[in-house]
Amino acid sequence: VNLAARQADTSAIVDTVADALASTGLPAELLQLEL
């Protein structure tokens, strides 16, 4: 998944990614973030 520069510049992205993984049950190693 591509991350925009504005997304990467804020610390809230960490909580957003963690919540997305937790809510879907996707293992973290199966998600790649592109910057």
Full PDB file with SEQRES, HELIX, SHEET, SSBOND, CRYST1, ORIGX, SCALE, CONECT and MASTER records, all heavy atoms in Angstrom:
SEQRES   1 A   35  VAL ASN LEU ALA ALA ARG GLN ALA ASP THR SER ALA ILE          
SEQRES   2 A   35  VAL ASP THR VAL ALA ASP ALA LEU ALA SER THR GLY LEU          
SEQRES   3 A   35  PRO ALA GLU LEU LEU GLN LEU GLU LEU                          
HELIX    1 AA1 ALA A    5  ALA A    8  1                                   4    
HELIX    2 AA2 ALA A   12  THR A   24  1                                  13    
HELIX    3 AA3 ALA A   28  LEU A   30  5                                   3    
CRYST1    1.000    1.000    1.000  90.00  90.00  90.00 P 1           1          
ORIGX1      1.000000  0.000000  0.000000        0.00000                         
ORIGX2      0.000000  1.000000  0.000000        0.00000                         
ORIGX3      0.000000  0.000000  1.000000        0.00000                         
SCALE1      1.000000  0.000000  0.000000        0.00000                         
SCALE2      0.000000  1.000000  0.000000        0.00000                         
SCALE3      0.000000  0.000000  1.000000        0.00000                         
ATOM      1  N   VAL A   1       0.854  -1.197   0.000  1.00  0.00           N  
ATOM      2  CA  VAL A   1       0.000   0.000   0.000  1.00  0.00           C  
ATOM      3  C   VAL A   1       0.885   1.241   0.000  1.00  0.00           C  
ATOM      4  O   VAL A   1       1.830   1.346   0.792  1.00  0.00           O  
ATOM      5  CB  VAL A   1      -0.934   0.013   1.224  1.00  0.00           C  
ATOM      6  CG1 VAL A   1      -1.786   1.280   1.234  1.00  0.00           C  
ATOM      7  CG2 VAL A   1      -1.819  -1.223   1.234  1.00  0.00           C  
ATOM      8  N   ASN A   2       0.577   2.191  -0.888  1.00  0.00           N  
ATOM      9  CA  ASN A   2       1.334   3.446  -0.957  1.00  0.00           C  
ATOM     10  C   ASN A   2       0.896   4.397   0.152  1.00  0.00           C  
ATOM     11  O   ASN A   2      -0.302   4.579   0.404  1.00  0.00           O  
ATOM     12  CB  ASN A   2       1.109   4.119  -2.306  1.00  0.00           C  
ATOM     13  CG  ASN A   2       1.762   3.351  -3.441  1.00  0.00           C  
ATOM     14  OD1 ASN A   2       2.954   3.445  -3.666  1.00  0.00           O  
ATOM     15  ND2 ASN A   2       0.954   2.559  -4.150  1.00  0.00           N  
ATOM     16  N   LEU A   3       1.872   5.019   0.798  1.00  0.00           N  
ATOM     17  CA  LEU A   3       1.608   6.062   1.787  1.00  0.00           C  
ATOM     18  C   LEU A   3       2.021   7.407   1.205  1.00  0.00           C  
ATOM     19  O   LEU A   3       3.137   7.549   0.688  1.00  0.00           O  
ATOM     20  CB  LEU A   3       2.391   5.814   3.080  1.00  0.00           C  
ATOM     21  CG  LEU A   3       1.899   4.736   4.036  1.00  0.00           C  
ATOM     22  CD1 LEU A   3       2.723   4.783   5.319  1.00  0.00           C  
ATOM     23  CD2 LEU A   3       0.428   4.910   4.358  1.00  0.00           C  
ATOM     24  N   ALA A   4       1.138   8.379   1.274  1.00  0.00           N  
ATOM     25  CA  ALA A   4       1.479   9.732   0.837  1.00  0.00           C  
ATOM     26  C   ALA A   4       2.420  10.372   1.845  1.00  0.00           C  
ATOM     27  O   ALA A   4       2.463   9.987   3.022  1.00  0.00           O  
ATOM     28  CB  ALA A   4       0.218  10.569   0.682  1.00  0.00           C  
ATOM     29  N   ALA A   5       3.180  11.357   1.379  1.00  0.00           N  
ATOM     30  CA  ALA A   5       4.136  12.029   2.267  1.00  0.00           C  
ATOM     31  C   ALA A   5       3.429  12.647   3.464  1.00  0.00           C  
ATOM     32  O   ALA A   5       3.947  12.614   4.589  1.00  0.00           O  
ATOM     33  CB  ALA A   5       4.897  13.092   1.485  1.00  0.00           C  
ATOM     34  N   ARG A   6       2.209  13.204   3.245  1.00  0.00           N  
ATOM     35  CA  ARG A   6       1.490  13.828   4.359  1.00  0.00           C  
ATOM     36  C   ARG A   6       1.079  12.791   5.395  1.00  0.00           C  
ATOM     37  O   ARG A   6       1.041  13.068   6.592  1.00  0.00           O  
ATOM     38  CB  ARG A   6       0.267  14.570   3.833  1.00  0.00           C  
ATOM     39  CG  ARG A   6      -0.464  15.359   4.896  1.00  0.00           C  
ATOM     40  CD  ARG A   6      -1.577  16.207   4.323  1.00  0.00           C  
ATOM     41  NE  ARG A   6      -1.064  17.241   3.431  1.00  0.00           N  
ATOM     42  CZ  ARG A   6      -1.808  18.218   2.926  1.00  0.00           C  
ATOM     43  NH1 ARG A   6      -3.102  18.278   3.212  1.00  0.00           N  
ATOM     44  NH2 ARG A   6      -1.283  19.113   2.114  1.00  0.00           N  
ATOM     45  N   GLN A   7       0.772  11.551   4.941  1.00  0.00           N  
ATOM     46  CA  GLN A   7       0.446  10.496   5.895  1.00  0.00           C  
ATOM     47  C   GLN A   7       1.669  10.102   6.714  1.00  0.00           C  
ATOM     48  O   GLN A   7       1.585   9.914   7.934  1.00  0.00           O  
ATOM     49  CB  GLN A   7      -0.082   9.265   5.163  1.00  0.00           C  
ATOM     50  CG  GLN A   7      -1.466   9.412   4.576  1.00  0.00           C  
ATOM     51  CD  GLN A   7      -1.889   8.157   3.838  1.00  0.00           C  
ATOM     52  OE1 GLN A   7      -1.461   7.940   2.702  1.00  0.00           O  
ATOM     53  NE2 GLN A   7      -2.695   7.346   4.472  1.00  0.00           N  
ATOM     54  N   ALA A   8       2.801   9.988   6.038  1.00  0.00           N  
ATOM     55  CA  ALA A   8       4.013   9.526   6.718  1.00  0.00           C  
ATOM     56  C   ALA A   8       4.564  10.565   7.682  1.00  0.00           C  
ATOM     57  O   ALA A   8       5.314  10.216   8.603  1.00  0.00           O  
ATOM     58  CB  ALA A   8       5.077   9.157   5.691  1.00  0.00           C  
ATOM     59  N   ASP A   9       4.200  11.837   7.480  1.00  0.00           N  
ATOM     60  CA  ASP A   9       4.757  12.905   8.315  1.00  0.00           C  
ATOM     61  C   ASP A   9       4.109  12.991   9.682  1.00  0.00           C  
ATOM     62  O   ASP A   9       4.569  13.757  10.530  1.00  0.00           O  
ATOM     63  CB  ASP A   9       4.609  14.257   7.603  1.00  0.00           C  
ATOM     64  CG  ASP A   9       5.633  14.410   6.482  1.00  0.00           C  
ATOM     65  OD1 ASP A   9       6.598  13.629   6.467  1.00  0.00           O  
ATOM     66  OD2 ASP A   9       5.436  15.298   5.637  1.00  0.00           O  
ATOM     67  N   THR A  10       3.045  12.263   9.911  1.00  0.00           N  
ATOM     68  CA  THR A  10       2.347  12.369  11.186  1.00  0.00           C  
ATOM     69  C   THR A  10       2.458  11.063  11.954  1.00  0.00           C  
ATOM     70  O   THR A  10       2.430   9.970  11.374  1.00  0.00           O  
ATOM     71  CB  THR A  10       0.868  12.717  10.964  1.00  0.00           C  
ATOM     72  OG1 THR A  10       0.183  12.654  12.203  1.00  0.00           O  
ATOM     73  CG2 THR A  10       0.198  11.758   9.991  1.00  0.00           C  
ATOM     74  N   SER A  11       2.591  11.175  13.258  1.00  0.00           N  
ATOM     75  CA  SER A  11       2.719   9.976  14.090  1.00  0.00           C  
ATOM     76  C   SER A  11       1.420   9.191  14.165  1.00  0.00           C  
ATOM     77  O   SER A  11       1.421   8.019  14.558  1.00  0.00           O  
ATOM     78  CB  SER A  11       3.169  10.376  15.503  1.00  0.00           C  
ATOM     79  OG  SER A  11       2.213  11.250  16.093  1.00  0.00           O  
ATOM     80  N   ALA A  12       0.291   9.816  13.781  1.00  0.00           N  
ATOM     81  CA  ALA A  12      -0.992   9.121  13.845  1.00  0.00           C  
ATOM     82  C   ALA A  12      -1.053   7.940  12.900  1.00  0.00           C  
ATOM     83  O   ALA A  12      -1.888   7.042  13.065  1.00  0.00           O  
ATOM     84  CB  ALA A  12      -2.126  10.096  13.537  1.00  0.00           C  
ATOM     85  N   ILE A  13      -0.159   7.905  11.886  1.00  0.00           N  
ATOM     86  CA  ILE A  13      -0.184   6.805  10.930  1.00  0.00           C  
ATOM     87  C   ILE A  13       0.101   5.475  11.621  1.00  0.00           C  
ATOM     88  O   ILE A  13      -0.399   4.416  11.214  1.00  0.00           O  
ATOM     89  CB  ILE A  13       0.826   7.073   9.784  1.00  0.00           C  
ATOM     90  CG1 ILE A  13       0.671   6.014   8.684  1.00  0.00           C  
ATOM     91  CG2 ILE A  13       2.243   7.104  10.314  1.00  0.00           C  
ATOM     92  CD1 ILE A  13      -0.685   5.995   8.049  1.00  0.00           C  
ATOM     93  N   VAL A  14       0.898   5.506  12.680  1.00  0.00           N  
ATOM     94  CA  VAL A  14       1.221   4.267  13.392  1.00  0.00           C  
ATOM     95  C   VAL A  14      -0.039   3.680  14.004  1.00  0.00           C  
ATOM     96  O   VAL A  14      -0.322   2.475  13.876  1.00  0.00           O  
ATOM     97  CB  VAL A  14       2.294   4.522  14.456  1.00  0.00           C  
ATOM     98  CG1 VAL A  14       2.621   3.227  15.207  1.00  0.00           C  
ATOM     99  CG2 VAL A  14       3.556   5.102  13.836  1.00  0.00           C  
ATOM    100  N   ASP A  15      -0.798   4.513  14.675  1.00  0.00           N  
ATOM    101  CA  ASP A  15      -2.045   4.033  15.277  1.00  0.00           C  
ATOM    102  C   ASP A  15      -3.029   3.579  14.206  1.00  0.00           C  
ATOM    103  O   ASP A  15      -3.760   2.602  14.403  1.00  0.00           O  
ATOM    104  CB  ASP A  15      -2.675   5.137  16.123  1.00  0.00           C  
ATOM    105  CG  ASP A  15      -1.799   5.527  17.303  1.00  0.00           C  
ATOM    106  OD1 ASP A  15      -1.029   4.664  17.769  1.00  0.00           O  
ATOM    107  OD2 ASP A  15      -1.883   6.696  17.741  1.00  0.00           O  
ATOM    108  N   THR A  16      -3.069   4.303  13.075  1.00  0.00           N  
ATOM    109  CA  THR A  16      -3.981   3.927  11.988  1.00  0.00           C  
ATOM    110  C   THR A  16      -3.638   2.549  11.448  1.00  0.00           C  
ATOM    111  O   THR A  16      -4.521   1.701  11.245  1.00  0.00           O  
ATOM    112  CB  THR A  16      -3.925   4.970  10.866  1.00  0.00           C  
ATOM    113  OG1 THR A  16      -4.288   6.252  11.378  1.00  0.00           O  
ATOM    114  CG2 THR A  16      -4.878   4.599   9.742  1.00  0.00           C  
ATOM    115  N   VAL A  17      -2.328   2.296  11.196  1.00  0.00           N  
ATOM    116  CA  VAL A  17      -1.904   0.996  10.677  1.00  0.00           C  
ATOM    117  C   VAL A  17      -2.179  -0.103  11.696  1.00  0.00           C  
ATOM    118  O   VAL A  17      -2.686  -1.191  11.353  1.00  0.00           O  
ATOM    119  CB  VAL A  17      -0.409   1.033  10.299  1.00  0.00           C  
ATOM    120  CG1 VAL A  17       0.101  -0.367   9.944  1.00  0.00           C  
ATOM    121  CG2 VAL A  17      -0.185   1.993   9.149  1.00  0.00           C  
ATOM    122  N   ALA A  18      -1.864   0.147  12.957  1.00  0.00           N  
ATOM    123  CA  ALA A  18      -2.102  -0.860  13.995  1.00  0.00           C  
ATOM    124  C   ALA A  18      -3.581  -1.195  14.100  1.00  0.00           C  
ATOM    125  O   ALA A  18      -3.955  -2.371  14.243  1.00  0.00           O  
ATOM    126  CB  ALA A  18      -1.568  -0.354  15.331  1.00  0.00           C  
ATOM    127  N   ASP A  19      -4.422  -0.192  14.021  1.00  0.00           N  
ATOM    128  CA  ASP A  19      -5.860  -0.436  14.109  1.00  0.00           C  
ATOM    129  C   ASP A  19      -6.364  -1.212  12.893  1.00  0.00           C  
ATOM    130  O   ASP A  19      -7.228  -2.094  13.020  1.00  0.00           O  
ATOM    131  CB  ASP A  19      -6.595   0.894  14.223  1.00  0.00           C  
ATOM    132  CG  ASP A  19      -8.092   0.712  14.391  1.00  0.00           C  
ATOM    133  OD1 ASP A  19      -8.515   0.210  15.445  1.00  0.00           O  
ATOM    134  OD2 ASP A  19      -8.847   1.062  13.445  1.00  0.00           O  
ATOM    135  N   ALA A  20      -5.833  -0.879  11.685  1.00  0.00           N  
ATOM    136  CA  ALA A  20      -6.241  -1.602  10.483  1.00  0.00           C  
ATOM    137  C   ALA A  20      -5.867  -3.078  10.584  1.00  0.00           C  
ATOM    138  O   ALA A  20      -6.650  -3.967  10.204  1.00  0.00           O  
ATOM    139  CB  ALA A  20      -5.600  -0.970   9.258  1.00  0.00           C  
ATOM    140  N   LEU A  21      -4.679  -3.353  11.089  1.00  0.00           N  
ATOM    141  CA  LEU A  21      -4.260  -4.749  11.248  1.00  0.00           C  
ATOM    142  C   LEU A  21      -5.110  -5.459  12.285  1.00  0.00           C  
ATOM    143  O   LEU A  21      -5.538  -6.609  12.084  1.00  0.00           O  
ATOM    144  CB  LEU A  21      -2.781  -4.803  11.641  1.00  0.00           C  
ATOM    145  CG  LEU A  21      -1.769  -4.325  10.583  1.00  0.00           C  
ATOM    146  CD1 LEU A  21      -0.367  -4.265  11.169  1.00  0.00           C  
ATOM    147  CD2 LEU A  21      -1.785  -5.255   9.368  1.00  0.00           C  
ATOM    148  N   ALA A  22      -5.362  -4.758  13.399  1.00  0.00           N  
ATOM    149  CA  ALA A  22      -6.133  -5.393  14.469  1.00  0.00           C  
ATOM    150  C   ALA A  22      -7.573  -5.642  14.057  1.00  0.00           C  
ATOM    151  O   ALA A  22      -8.157  -6.690  14.372  1.00  0.00           O  
ATOM    152  CB  ALA A  22      -6.077  -4.517  15.716  1.00  0.00           C  
ATOM    153  N   SER A  23      -8.180  -4.686  13.369  1.00  0.00           N  
ATOM    154  CA  SER A  23      -9.590  -4.825  13.005  1.00  0.00           C  
ATOM    155  C   SER A  23      -9.818  -5.866  11.920  1.00  0.00           C  
ATOM    156  O   SER A  23     -10.902  -6.446  11.830  1.00  0.00           O  
ATOM    157  CB  SER A  23     -10.145  -3.472  12.554  1.00  0.00           C  
ATOM    158  OG  SER A  23      -9.462  -3.010  11.403  1.00  0.00           O  
ATOM    159  N   THR A  24      -8.823  -6.095  11.060  1.00  0.00           N  
ATOM    160  CA  THR A  24      -8.979  -7.076   9.977  1.00  0.00           C  
ATOM    161  C   THR A  24      -8.372  -8.428  10.316  1.00  0.00           C  
ATOM    162  O   THR A  24      -8.714  -9.440   9.683  1.00  0.00           O  
ATOM    163  CB  THR A  24      -8.337  -6.546   8.687  1.00  0.00           C  
ATOM    164  OG1 THR A  24      -6.930  -6.324   8.903  1.00  0.00           O  
ATOM    165  CG2 THR A  24      -8.995  -5.244   8.255  1.00  0.00           C  
ATOM    166  N   GLY A  25      -7.450  -8.467  11.271  1.00  0.00           N  
ATOM    167  CA  GLY A  25      -6.781  -9.720  11.616  1.00  0.00           C  
ATOM    168  C   GLY A  25      -5.660 -10.088  10.680  1.00  0.00           C  
ATOM    169  O   GLY A  25      -5.161 -11.228  10.708  1.00  0.00           O  
ATOM    170  N   LEU A  26      -5.221  -9.166   9.833  1.00  0.00           N  
ATOM    171  CA  LEU A  26      -4.157  -9.454   8.887  1.00  0.00           C  
ATOM    172  C   LEU A  26      -2.816  -9.486   9.618  1.00  0.00           C  
ATOM    173  O   LEU A  26      -2.486  -8.546  10.357  1.00  0.00           O  
ATOM    174  CB  LEU A  26      -4.126  -8.380   7.789  1.00  0.00           C  
ATOM    175  CG  LEU A  26      -3.026  -8.531   6.734  1.00  0.00           C  
ATOM    176  CD1 LEU A  26      -3.297  -9.757   5.854  1.00  0.00           C  
ATOM    177  CD2 LEU A  26      -2.933  -7.269   5.877  1.00  0.00           C  
ATOM    178  N   PRO A  27      -2.011 -10.535   9.421  1.00  0.00           N  
ATOM    179  CA  PRO A  27      -0.672 -10.553  10.024  1.00  0.00           C  
ATOM    180  C   PRO A  27       0.160  -9.380   9.512  1.00  0.00           C  
ATOM    181  O   PRO A  27       0.131  -9.048   8.322  1.00  0.00           O  
ATOM    182  CB  PRO A  27      -0.094 -11.898   9.562  1.00  0.00           C  
ATOM    183  CG  PRO A  27      -1.290 -12.751   9.269  1.00  0.00           C  
ATOM    184  CD  PRO A  27      -2.333 -11.808   8.745  1.00  0.00           C  
ATOM    185  N   ALA A  28       0.915  -8.761  10.399  1.00  0.00           N  
ATOM    186  CA  ALA A  28       1.659  -7.553  10.038  1.00  0.00           C  
ATOM    187  C   ALA A  28       2.668  -7.818   8.943  1.00  0.00           C  
ATOM    188  O   ALA A  28       2.922  -6.954   8.086  1.00  0.00           O  
ATOM    189  CB  ALA A  28       2.349  -6.988  11.274  1.00  0.00           C  
ATOM    190  N   GLU A  29       3.256  -9.026   8.901  1.00  0.00           N  
ATOM    191  CA  GLU A  29       4.289  -9.290   7.901  1.00  0.00           C  
ATOM    192  C   GLU A  29       3.722  -9.394   6.491  1.00  0.00           C  
ATOM    193  O   GLU A  29       4.488  -9.413   5.509  1.00  0.00           O  
ATOM    194  CB  GLU A  29       5.052 -10.571   8.242  1.00  0.00           C  
ATOM    195  CG  GLU A  29       4.211 -11.839   8.199  1.00  0.00           C  
ATOM    196  CD  GLU A  29       3.557 -12.152   9.539  1.00  0.00           C  
ATOM    197  OE1 GLU A  29       3.510 -11.226  10.389  1.00  0.00           O  
ATOM    198  OE2 GLU A  29       3.096 -13.290   9.731  1.00  0.00           O  
ATOM    199  N   LEU A  30       2.377  -9.455   6.363  1.00  0.00           N  
ATOM    200  CA  LEU A  30       1.760  -9.503   5.041  1.00  0.00           C  
ATOM    201  C   LEU A  30       1.358  -8.118   4.533  1.00  0.00           C  
ATOM    202  O   LEU A  30       0.709  -8.002   3.493  1.00  0.00           O  
ATOM    203  CB  LEU A  30       0.533 -10.425   5.063  1.00  0.00           C  
ATOM    204  CG  LEU A  30       0.815 -11.885   5.404  1.00  0.00           C  
ATOM    205  CD1 LEU A  30      -0.455 -12.711   5.290  1.00  0.00           C  
ATOM    206  CD2 LEU A  30       1.896 -12.460   4.489  1.00  0.00           C  
ATOM    207  N   LEU A  31       1.750  -7.071   5.239  1.00  0.00           N  
ATOM    208  CA  LEU A  31       1.467  -5.695   4.811  1.00  0.00           C  
ATOM    209  C   LEU A  31       2.778  -4.982   4.529  1.00  0.00           C  
ATOM    210  O   LEU A  31       3.691  -4.982   5.369  1.00  0.00           O  
ATOM    211  CB  LEU A  31       0.688  -4.933   5.891  1.00  0.00           C  
ATOM    212  CG  LEU A  31       0.465  -3.445   5.631  1.00  0.00           C  
ATOM    213  CD1 LEU A  31      -0.404  -3.225   4.381  1.00  0.00           C  
ATOM    214  CD2 LEU A  31      -0.184  -2.772   6.848  1.00  0.00           C  
ATOM    215  N   GLN A  32       2.881  -4.401   3.356  1.00  0.00           N  
ATOM    216  CA  GLN A  32       4.040  -3.585   2.998  1.00  0.00           C  
ATOM    217  C   GLN A  32       3.568  -2.160   2.707  1.00  0.00           C  
ATOM    218  O   GLN A  32       2.597  -1.952   1.978  1.00  0.00           O  
ATOM    219  CB  GLN A  32       4.745  -4.163   1.774  1.00  0.00           C  
ATOM    220  CG  GLN A  32       5.931  -3.306   1.290  1.00  0.00           C  
ATOM    221  CD  GLN A  32       6.714  -3.970   0.189  1.00  0.00           C  
ATOM    222  OE1 GLN A  32       7.612  -4.791   0.458  1.00  0.00           O  
ATOM    223  NE2 GLN A  32       6.390  -3.643  -1.057  1.00  0.00           N  
ATOM    224  N   LEU A  33       4.257  -1.181   3.282  1.00  0.00           N  
ATOM    225  CA  LEU A  33       3.936   0.231   3.071  1.00  0.00           C  
ATOM    226  C   LEU A  33       5.009   0.841   2.186  1.00  0.00           C  
ATOM    227  O   LEU A  33       6.213   0.738   2.478  1.00  0.00           O  
ATOM    228  CB  LEU A  33       3.863   0.977   4.406  1.00  0.00           C  
ATOM    229  CG  LEU A  33       2.832   0.446   5.412  1.00  0.00           C  
ATOM    230  CD1 LEU A  33       2.903   1.232   6.712  1.00  0.00           C  
ATOM    231  CD2 LEU A  33       1.424   0.520   4.838  1.00  0.00           C  
ATOM    232  N   GLU A  34       4.580   1.486   1.094  1.00  0.00           N  
ATOM    233  CA  GLU A  34       5.508   2.106   0.148  1.00  0.00           C  
ATOM    234  C   GLU A  34       5.537   3.614   0.355  1.00  0.00           C  
ATOM    235  O   GLU A  34       4.489   4.258   0.434  1.00  0.00           O  
ATOM    236  CB  GLU A  34       5.082   1.806  -1.293  1.00  0.00           C  
ATOM    237  CG  GLU A  34       5.126   0.346  -1.670  1.00  0.00           C  
ATOM    238  CD  GLU A  34       4.816   0.132  -3.148  1.00  0.00           C  
ATOM    239  OE1 GLU A  34       4.879   1.125  -3.915  1.00  0.00           O  
ATOM    240  OE2 GLU A  34       4.512  -1.009  -3.534  1.00  0.00           O  
ATOM    241  N   LEU A  35       6.734   4.173   0.450  1.00  0.00           N  
ATOM    242  CA  LEU A  35       6.933   5.611   0.544  1.00  0.00           C  
ATOM    243  C   LEU A  35       7.869   6.038  -0.576  1.00  0.00           C  
ATOM    244  O   LEU A  35       8.784   5.297  -0.944  1.00  0.00           O  
ATOM    245  CB  LEU A  35       7.533   6.021   1.892  1.00  0.00           C  
ATOM    246  CG  LEU A  35       6.708   5.696   3.145  1.00  0.00           C  
ATOM    247  CD1 LEU A  35       7.135   4.351   3.715  1.00  0.00           C  
ATOM    248  CD2 LEU A  35       6.868   6.793   4.193  1.00  0.00           C  
TER     249      LEU A  35                                                      
MASTER        0    0    0    3    0    0    0    6  248    1    0    3          
END                                                                             
